[in-house]
Amino acid sequence: MSFTGKYEVESQENFEAFMKLIGVPDEKIEKGKNVKYTTEVVQNGNELIWSQIYPGHTTTNKFVVGQESELQTLSGKTFKVMHCSPTSSLLPHCRVLNMSG
């Protein structure tokens, strides 16, 4: 199953809790609660390029399913994850290994 495509946000359940967990400041969380963005995914085999396209800013991360990857948040923090096989949902399941500032 290919995940290639563009996806628009319909809802953001647990947005605030997740953003706090990854260290985003409260004022940025408040600003981001109602921002509509698009996610663009390009998949080539097990390699995925994942872009979050916001008004005036785009963040792009690249990872390979089954390999450890370092990703970057909107606030510039990096974290390592192990990407497991994608499931039937849009997001591949992953495990956060560590966060740095």
C-alpha atoms as a PDB file:
ATOM      1  CA  MET A   1       0.000   0.000   0.000  1.00  0.00           C
ATOM      2  CA  SER A   2       1.467   3.354  -1.026  1.00  0.00           C
ATOM      3  CA  PHE A   3       0.986   6.411   1.173  1.00  0.00           C
ATOM      4  CA  THR A   4       1.980   8.857  -1.581  1.00  0.00           C
ATOM      5  CA  GLY A   5      -0.422  11.784  -1.727  1.00  0.00           C
ATOM      6  CA  LYS A   6      -1.563  15.030  -0.120  1.00  0.00           C
ATOM      7  CA  TYR A   7      -3.615  14.994   3.048  1.00  0.00           C
ATOM      8  CA  GLU A   8      -5.489  17.853   4.717  1.00  0.00           C
ATOM      9  CA  VAL A   9      -6.143  18.024   8.458  1.00  0.00           C
ATOM     10  CA  GLU A  10      -9.733  17.343   9.478  1.00  0.00           C
ATOM     11  CA  SER A  11      -9.225  17.206  13.257  1.00  0.00           C
ATOM     12  CA  GLN A  12      -6.394  17.315  15.768  1.00  0.00           C
ATOM     13  CA  GLU A  13      -7.275  15.061  18.685  1.00  0.00           C
ATOM     14  CA  ASN A  14      -4.784  15.288  21.573  1.00  0.00           C
ATOM     15  CA  PHE A  15      -2.910  18.071  19.753  1.00  0.00           C
ATOM     16  CA  GLU A  16      -2.076  20.050  22.883  1.00  0.00           C
ATOM     17  CA  ALA A  17      -0.877  17.038  24.891  1.00  0.00           C
ATOM     18  CA  PHE A  18       1.338  15.820  22.047  1.00  0.00           C
ATOM     19  CA  MET A  19       2.847  19.251  21.403  1.00  0.00           C
ATOM     20  CA  LYS A  20       3.635  19.653  25.106  1.00  0.00           C
ATOM     21  CA  LEU A  21       5.234  16.197  25.137  1.00  0.00           C
ATOM     22  CA  ILE A  22       7.641  17.153  22.351  1.00  0.00           C
ATOM     23  CA  GLY A  23       8.494  20.470  24.021  1.00  0.00           C
ATOM     24  CA  VAL A  24       6.586  23.062  21.997  1.00  0.00           C
ATOM     25  CA  PRO A  25       6.031  26.249  24.073  1.00  0.00           C
ATOM     26  CA  ASP A  26       2.450  27.035  25.162  1.00  0.00           C
ATOM     27  CA  GLU A  27       2.227  30.219  23.072  1.00  0.00           C
ATOM     28  CA  LYS A  28       3.122  28.282  19.897  1.00  0.00           C
ATOM     29  CA  ILE A  29       0.632  25.551  20.795  1.00  0.00           C
ATOM     30  CA  GLU A  30      -2.098  28.165  21.155  1.00  0.00           C
ATOM     31  CA  LYS A  31      -1.218  29.714  17.770  1.00  0.00           C
ATOM     32  CA  GLY A  32      -1.120  26.314  16.087  1.00  0.00           C
ATOM     33  CA  LYS A  33      -4.425  24.942  17.363  1.00  0.00           C
ATOM     34  CA  ASN A  34      -6.440  26.353  14.478  1.00  0.00           C
ATOM     35  CA  VAL A  35      -3.834  26.364  11.725  1.00  0.00           C
ATOM     36  CA  LYS A  36      -4.833  24.292   8.729  1.00  0.00           C
ATOM     37  CA  TYR A  37      -1.966  22.507   7.041  1.00  0.00           C
ATOM     38  CA  THR A  38      -1.363  19.901   4.396  1.00  0.00           C
ATOM     39  CA  THR A  39       0.800  16.812   4.705  1.00  0.00           C
ATOM     40  CA  GLU A  40       2.467  15.618   1.532  1.00  0.00           C
ATOM     41  CA  VAL A  41       3.928  12.115   1.448  1.00  0.00           C
ATOM     42  CA  VAL A  42       6.167  10.712  -1.261  1.00  0.00           C
ATOM     43  CA  GLN A  43       6.893   6.998  -0.902  1.00  0.00           C
ATOM     44  CA  ASN A  44       9.521   5.070  -2.833  1.00  0.00           C
ATOM     45  CA  GLY A  45       9.540   1.503  -1.513  1.00  0.00           C
ATOM     46  CA  ASN A  46      10.300   1.735   2.233  1.00  0.00           C
ATOM     47  CA  GLU A  47      11.603   5.314   1.983  1.00  0.00           C
ATOM     48  CA  LEU A  48       9.171   8.123   2.786  1.00  0.00           C
ATOM     49  CA  ILE A  49       9.524  11.886   2.492  1.00  0.00           C
ATOM     50  CA  TRP A  50       7.030  13.523   4.834  1.00  0.00           C
ATOM     51  CA  SER A  51       6.338  17.255   4.434  1.00  0.00           C
ATOM     52  CA  GLN A  52       4.117  19.361   6.702  1.00  0.00           C
ATOM     53  CA  ILE A  53       3.088  22.418   4.684  1.00  0.00           C
ATOM     54  CA  TYR A  54       1.939  25.365   6.828  1.00  0.00           C
ATOM     55  CA  PRO A  55       1.149  28.929   5.773  1.00  0.00           C
ATOM     56  CA  GLY A  56       4.628  30.447   5.334  1.00  0.00           C
ATOM     57  CA  HIS A  57       6.627  27.387   6.449  1.00  0.00           C
ATOM     58  CA  THR A  58       7.295  23.786   5.402  1.00  0.00           C
ATOM     59  CA  THR A  59       9.013  21.090   7.473  1.00  0.00           C
ATOM     60  CA  THR A  60      10.253  18.000   5.653  1.00  0.00           C
ATOM     61  CA  ASN A  61      11.526  14.763   7.183  1.00  0.00           C
ATOM     62  CA  LYS A  62      12.809  11.696   5.383  1.00  0.00           C
ATOM     63  CA  PHE A  63      12.841   8.207   6.857  1.00  0.00           C
ATOM     64  CA  VAL A  64      13.060   4.534   5.949  1.00  0.00           C
ATOM     65  CA  VAL A  65      10.621   2.018   7.426  1.00  0.00           C
ATOM     66  CA  GLY A  66      12.476  -0.392   9.718  1.00  0.00           C
ATOM     67  CA  GLN A  67      15.410   1.963  10.337  1.00  0.00           C
ATOM     68  CA  GLU A  68      16.225   4.460  13.053  1.00  0.00           C
ATOM     69  CA  SER A  69      15.762   8.037  11.859  1.00  0.00           C
ATOM     70  CA  GLU A  70      16.335  11.505  13.238  1.00  0.00           C
ATOM     71  CA  LEU A  71      13.393  13.828  12.650  1.00  0.00           C
ATOM     72  CA  GLN A  72      12.924  17.531  13.317  1.00  0.00           C
ATOM     73  CA  THR A  73       9.924  19.287  14.867  1.00  0.00           C
ATOM     74  CA  LEU A  74       8.545  22.654  13.803  1.00  0.00           C
ATOM     75  CA  SER A  75      10.426  24.246  16.694  1.00  0.00           C
ATOM     76  CA  GLY A  76      13.733  22.813  15.453  1.00  0.00           C
ATOM     77  CA  LYS A  77      14.113  20.103  18.085  1.00  0.00           C
ATOM     78  CA  THR A  78      15.314  16.750  16.872  1.00  0.00           C
ATOM     79  CA  PHE A  79      14.284  13.321  18.021  1.00  0.00           C
ATOM     80  CA  LYS A  80      15.161   9.779  17.037  1.00  0.00           C
ATOM     81  CA  VAL A  81      12.509   7.246  16.173  1.00  0.00           C
ATOM     82  CA  MET A  82      12.403   3.677  14.984  1.00  0.00           C
ATOM     83  CA  HIS A  83       9.880   3.394  12.177  1.00  0.00           C
ATOM     84  CA  CYS A  84       8.079   0.093  12.086  1.00  0.00           C
ATOM     85  CA  SER A  85       6.018  -1.232   9.222  1.00  0.00           C
ATOM     86  CA  PRO A  86       3.111   0.981   8.194  1.00  0.00           C
ATOM     87  CA  THR A  87      -0.321  -0.222   9.218  1.00  0.00           C
ATOM     88  CA  SER A  88      -3.601   0.454   7.505  1.00  0.00           C
ATOM     89  CA  SER A  89      -3.613   3.955   9.029  1.00  0.00           C
ATOM     90  CA  LEU A  90      -1.920   6.940   7.417  1.00  0.00           C
ATOM     91  CA  LEU A  91       0.800   7.238  10.045  1.00  0.00           C
ATOM     92  CA  PRO A  92       3.429   4.531  10.321  1.00  0.00           C
ATOM     93  CA  HIS A  93       3.740   3.320  13.885  1.00  0.00           C
ATOM     94  CA  CYS A  94       6.982   4.467  15.406  1.00  0.00           C
ATOM     95  CA  ARG A  95       8.775   4.503  18.732  1.00  0.00           C
ATOM     96  CA  VAL A  96      10.456   7.662  20.024  1.00  0.00           C
ATOM     97  CA  LEU A  97      13.990   6.802  21.094  1.00  0.00           C
ATOM     98  CA  ASN A  98      15.146  10.190  22.436  1.00  0.00           C
ATOM     99  CA  MET A  99      14.620  13.927  22.193  1.00  0.00           C
ATOM    100  CA  SER A 100      17.210  16.685  22.085  1.00  0.00           C
ATOM    101  CA  GLY A 101      16.898  20.460  22.092  1.00  0.00           C
END
